[in-house]
Amino acid sequence: QAQIVESGGGLVQAGGPRRLSCLASENWFTARALVWFRHTPGKERELVAGISRLGRTTYADSVEGRFTISRDNVQKTVHLQMNSVKVEDTGTYYCNTKDLAWPWGQGTQVTVSS
């Protein structure tokens, strides 16, 4: 079973950058389409970004132009570069495959201060 570890969260000032990482110990990494979700208490889990196995990316309207998802198939890592963060980007961020094949990791908390 895959083991997923998200990292990189923390307190960040509005307008600043933050880079999240997700390390997946899994043999089929290169074949997976990968996504980042975020969850804020009281709200539905939101799909914020996705990347296909060939590198095609998609983004939620709320983060388009500010976030960049990327993958490193050698390191089995997927990153989320967050720029120009907003208070509404606050939440716990999780990575998974597009079809939710991985067990959920512990997530990484991002708190954006105004």
C-alpha atoms as a PDB file:
ATOM      1  CA  GLN A   1       0.000   0.000   0.000  1.00  0.00           C
ATOM      2  CA  ALA A   2       1.279   3.446  -0.864  1.00  0.00           C
ATOM      3  CA  GLN A   3       2.493   5.711   1.894  1.00  0.00           C
ATOM      4  CA  ILE A   4       1.851   9.400   1.401  1.00  0.00           C
ATOM      5  CA  VAL A   5       3.598  12.211   3.225  1.00  0.00           C
ATOM      6  CA  GLU A   6       2.667  15.827   2.596  1.00  0.00           C
ATOM      7  CA  SER A   7       4.909  18.634   3.807  1.00  0.00           C
ATOM      8  CA  GLY A   8       5.695  22.298   3.407  1.00  0.00           C
ATOM      9  CA  GLY A   9       2.745  23.865   5.130  1.00  0.00           C
ATOM     10  CA  GLY A  10       2.923  26.562   7.743  1.00  0.00           C
ATOM     11  CA  LEU A  11       2.050  30.161   8.399  1.00  0.00           C
ATOM     12  CA  VAL A  12       2.440  32.459   5.418  1.00  0.00           C
ATOM     13  CA  GLN A  13       1.603  36.099   4.945  1.00  0.00           C
ATOM     14  CA  ALA A  14      -0.963  37.015   2.334  1.00  0.00           C
ATOM     15  CA  GLY A  15       0.723  37.721  -0.974  1.00  0.00           C
ATOM     16  CA  GLY A  16       3.626  35.442  -0.238  1.00  0.00           C
ATOM     17  CA  PRO A  17       4.703  32.083  -1.647  1.00  0.00           C
ATOM     18  CA  ARG A  18       4.632  28.583  -0.250  1.00  0.00           C
ATOM     19  CA  ARG A  19       5.751  25.304  -1.758  1.00  0.00           C
ATOM     20  CA  LEU A  20       4.076  22.082  -0.764  1.00  0.00           C
ATOM     21  CA  SER A  21       5.458  18.639  -1.431  1.00  0.00           C
ATOM     22  CA  CYS A  22       3.988  15.183  -1.416  1.00  0.00           C
ATOM     23  CA  LEU A  23       6.211  12.139  -1.308  1.00  0.00           C
ATOM     24  CA  ALA A  24       4.620   8.874  -2.381  1.00  0.00           C
ATOM     25  CA  SER A  25       6.227   5.524  -1.816  1.00  0.00           C
ATOM     26  CA  GLU A  26       4.488   3.620  -4.566  1.00  0.00           C
ATOM     27  CA  ASN A  27       5.665   1.612  -7.562  1.00  0.00           C
ATOM     28  CA  TRP A  28       3.098   2.962 -10.026  1.00  0.00           C
ATOM     29  CA  PHE A  29       3.816   6.654  -9.457  1.00  0.00           C
ATOM     30  CA  THR A  30       4.728   7.434 -13.050  1.00  0.00           C
ATOM     31  CA  ALA A  31       1.446   5.982 -14.324  1.00  0.00           C
ATOM     32  CA  ARG A  32      -0.725   8.072 -12.032  1.00  0.00           C
ATOM     33  CA  ALA A  33      -2.570  11.296 -12.656  1.00  0.00           C
ATOM     34  CA  LEU A  34      -2.092  13.255  -9.451  1.00  0.00           C
ATOM     35  CA  VAL A  35      -4.077  15.919  -7.669  1.00  0.00           C
ATOM     36  CA  TRP A  36      -3.952  18.289  -4.732  1.00  0.00           C
ATOM     37  CA  PHE A  37      -7.037  18.865  -2.612  1.00  0.00           C
ATOM     38  CA  ARG A  38      -7.593  21.290   0.189  1.00  0.00           C
ATOM     39  CA  HIS A  39     -10.017  21.088   3.050  1.00  0.00           C
ATOM     40  CA  THR A  40     -11.246  23.883   5.225  1.00  0.00           C
ATOM     41  CA  PRO A  41     -13.531  23.095   8.170  1.00  0.00           C
ATOM     42  CA  GLY A  42     -17.137  23.755   7.276  1.00  0.00           C
ATOM     43  CA  LYS A  43     -16.496  23.549   3.561  1.00  0.00           C
ATOM     44  CA  GLU A  44     -16.454  20.804   0.976  1.00  0.00           C
ATOM     45  CA  ARG A  45     -13.104  19.350   0.042  1.00  0.00           C
ATOM     46  CA  GLU A  46     -11.874  21.288  -2.977  1.00  0.00           C
ATOM     47  CA  LEU A  47      -9.823  19.961  -5.853  1.00  0.00           C
ATOM     48  CA  VAL A  48      -7.271  22.698  -6.500  1.00  0.00           C
ATOM     49  CA  ALA A  49      -4.874  21.249  -9.071  1.00  0.00           C
ATOM     50  CA  GLY A  50      -4.166  18.164 -11.113  1.00  0.00           C
ATOM     51  CA  ILE A  51      -1.385  16.866 -13.307  1.00  0.00           C
ATOM     52  CA  SER A  52      -1.608  14.013 -15.757  1.00  0.00           C
ATOM     53  CA  ARG A  53       1.065  11.347 -16.087  1.00  0.00           C
ATOM     54  CA  LEU A  54       2.301  13.268 -19.148  1.00  0.00           C
ATOM     55  CA  GLY A  55       2.419  16.591 -17.317  1.00  0.00           C
ATOM     56  CA  ARG A  56      -0.780  18.260 -18.451  1.00  0.00           C
ATOM     57  CA  THR A  57      -2.071  20.498 -15.665  1.00  0.00           C
ATOM     58  CA  THR A  58      -5.483  21.723 -14.599  1.00  0.00           C
ATOM     59  CA  TYR A  59      -6.485  24.171 -11.888  1.00  0.00           C
ATOM     60  CA  ALA A  60      -9.508  25.325  -9.990  1.00  0.00           C
ATOM     61  CA  ASP A  61     -10.634  28.779 -10.988  1.00  0.00           C
ATOM     62  CA  SER A  62      -9.820  29.980  -7.485  1.00  0.00           C
ATOM     63  CA  VAL A  63      -6.096  29.243  -7.882  1.00  0.00           C
ATOM     64  CA  GLU A  64      -5.587  29.576 -11.643  1.00  0.00           C
ATOM     65  CA  GLY A  65      -2.585  31.773 -12.360  1.00  0.00           C
ATOM     66  CA  ARG A  66      -1.308  31.617  -8.777  1.00  0.00           C
ATOM     67  CA  PHE A  67      -0.632  27.921  -8.121  1.00  0.00           C
ATOM     68  CA  THR A  68       1.539  25.555 -10.121  1.00  0.00           C
ATOM     69  CA  ILE A  69       1.487  21.791  -9.789  1.00  0.00           C
ATOM     70  CA  SER A  70       4.485  19.783 -10.883  1.00  0.00           C
ATOM     71  CA  ARG A  71       5.789  16.267 -10.521  1.00  0.00           C
ATOM     72  CA  ASP A  72       9.160  14.599 -10.182  1.00  0.00           C
ATOM     73  CA  ASN A  73       8.815  11.002 -11.268  1.00  0.00           C
ATOM     74  CA  VAL A  74      12.330  10.102 -10.149  1.00  0.00           C
ATOM     75  CA  GLN A  75      11.771  11.369  -6.643  1.00  0.00           C
ATOM     76  CA  LYS A  76       8.120  10.230  -6.672  1.00  0.00           C
ATOM     77  CA  THR A  77       7.088  13.648  -5.515  1.00  0.00           C
ATOM     78  CA  VAL A  78       4.348  16.036  -6.525  1.00  0.00           C
ATOM     79  CA  HIS A  79       4.690  19.710  -5.659  1.00  0.00           C
ATOM     80  CA  LEU A  80       2.288  22.585  -5.365  1.00  0.00           C
ATOM     81  CA  GLN A  81       3.879  26.002  -5.724  1.00  0.00           C
ATOM     82  CA  MET A  82       1.563  28.557  -4.209  1.00  0.00           C
ATOM     83  CA  ASN A  83       2.154  32.192  -5.111  1.00  0.00           C
ATOM     84  CA  SER A  84       0.271  35.326  -4.176  1.00  0.00           C
ATOM     85  CA  VAL A  85      -1.546  33.392  -1.491  1.00  0.00           C
ATOM     86  CA  LYS A  86      -4.804  34.682  -0.110  1.00  0.00           C
ATOM     87  CA  VAL A  87      -6.494  34.248   3.244  1.00  0.00           C
ATOM     88  CA  GLU A  88      -9.019  31.984   1.545  1.00  0.00           C
ATOM     89  CA  ASP A  89      -6.197  29.596   0.610  1.00  0.00           C
ATOM     90  CA  THR A  90      -6.014  28.598   4.260  1.00  0.00           C
ATOM     91  CA  GLY A  91      -6.679  24.918   4.740  1.00  0.00           C
ATOM     92  CA  THR A  92      -5.200  21.469   4.983  1.00  0.00           C
ATOM     93  CA  TYR A  93      -3.732  20.295   1.721  1.00  0.00           C
ATOM     94  CA  TYR A  94      -3.702  16.689   0.630  1.00  0.00           C
ATOM     95  CA  CYS A  95      -2.367  14.899  -2.404  1.00  0.00           C
ATOM     96  CA  ASN A  96      -3.787  11.815  -4.041  1.00  0.00           C
ATOM     97  CA  THR A  97      -4.223  10.185  -7.380  1.00  0.00           C
ATOM     98  CA  LYS A  98      -7.008  11.463  -9.605  1.00  0.00           C
ATOM     99  CA  ASP A  99      -9.023   8.310  -8.880  1.00  0.00           C
ATOM    100  CA  LEU A 100      -8.251   8.473  -5.137  1.00  0.00           C
ATOM    101  CA  ALA A 101      -6.246   5.266  -5.227  1.00  0.00           C
ATOM    102  CA  TRP A 102      -3.938   6.260  -2.387  1.00  0.00           C
ATOM    103  CA  PRO A 103      -4.736   6.232   1.297  1.00  0.00           C
ATOM    104  CA  TRP A 104      -5.071   9.752   2.647  1.00  0.00           C
ATOM    105  CA  GLY A 105      -1.958  11.207   4.209  1.00  0.00           C
ATOM    106  CA  GLN A 106      -1.964  13.447   7.219  1.00  0.00           C
ATOM    107  CA  GLY A 107      -2.091  16.526   5.033  1.00  0.00           C
ATOM    108  CA  THR A 108      -0.161  19.726   5.503  1.00  0.00           C
ATOM    109  CA  GLN A 109      -1.760  22.783   7.054  1.00  0.00           C
ATOM    110  CA  VAL A 110      -1.411  26.149   5.359  1.00  0.00           C
ATOM    111  CA  THR A 111      -2.515  29.221   7.257  1.00  0.00           C
ATOM    112  CA  VAL A 112      -2.514  32.530   5.438  1.00  0.00           C
ATOM    113  CA  SER A 113      -2.467  35.646   7.578  1.00  0.00           C
ATOM    114  CA  SER A 114      -3.736  38.986   6.365  1.00  0.00           C
END
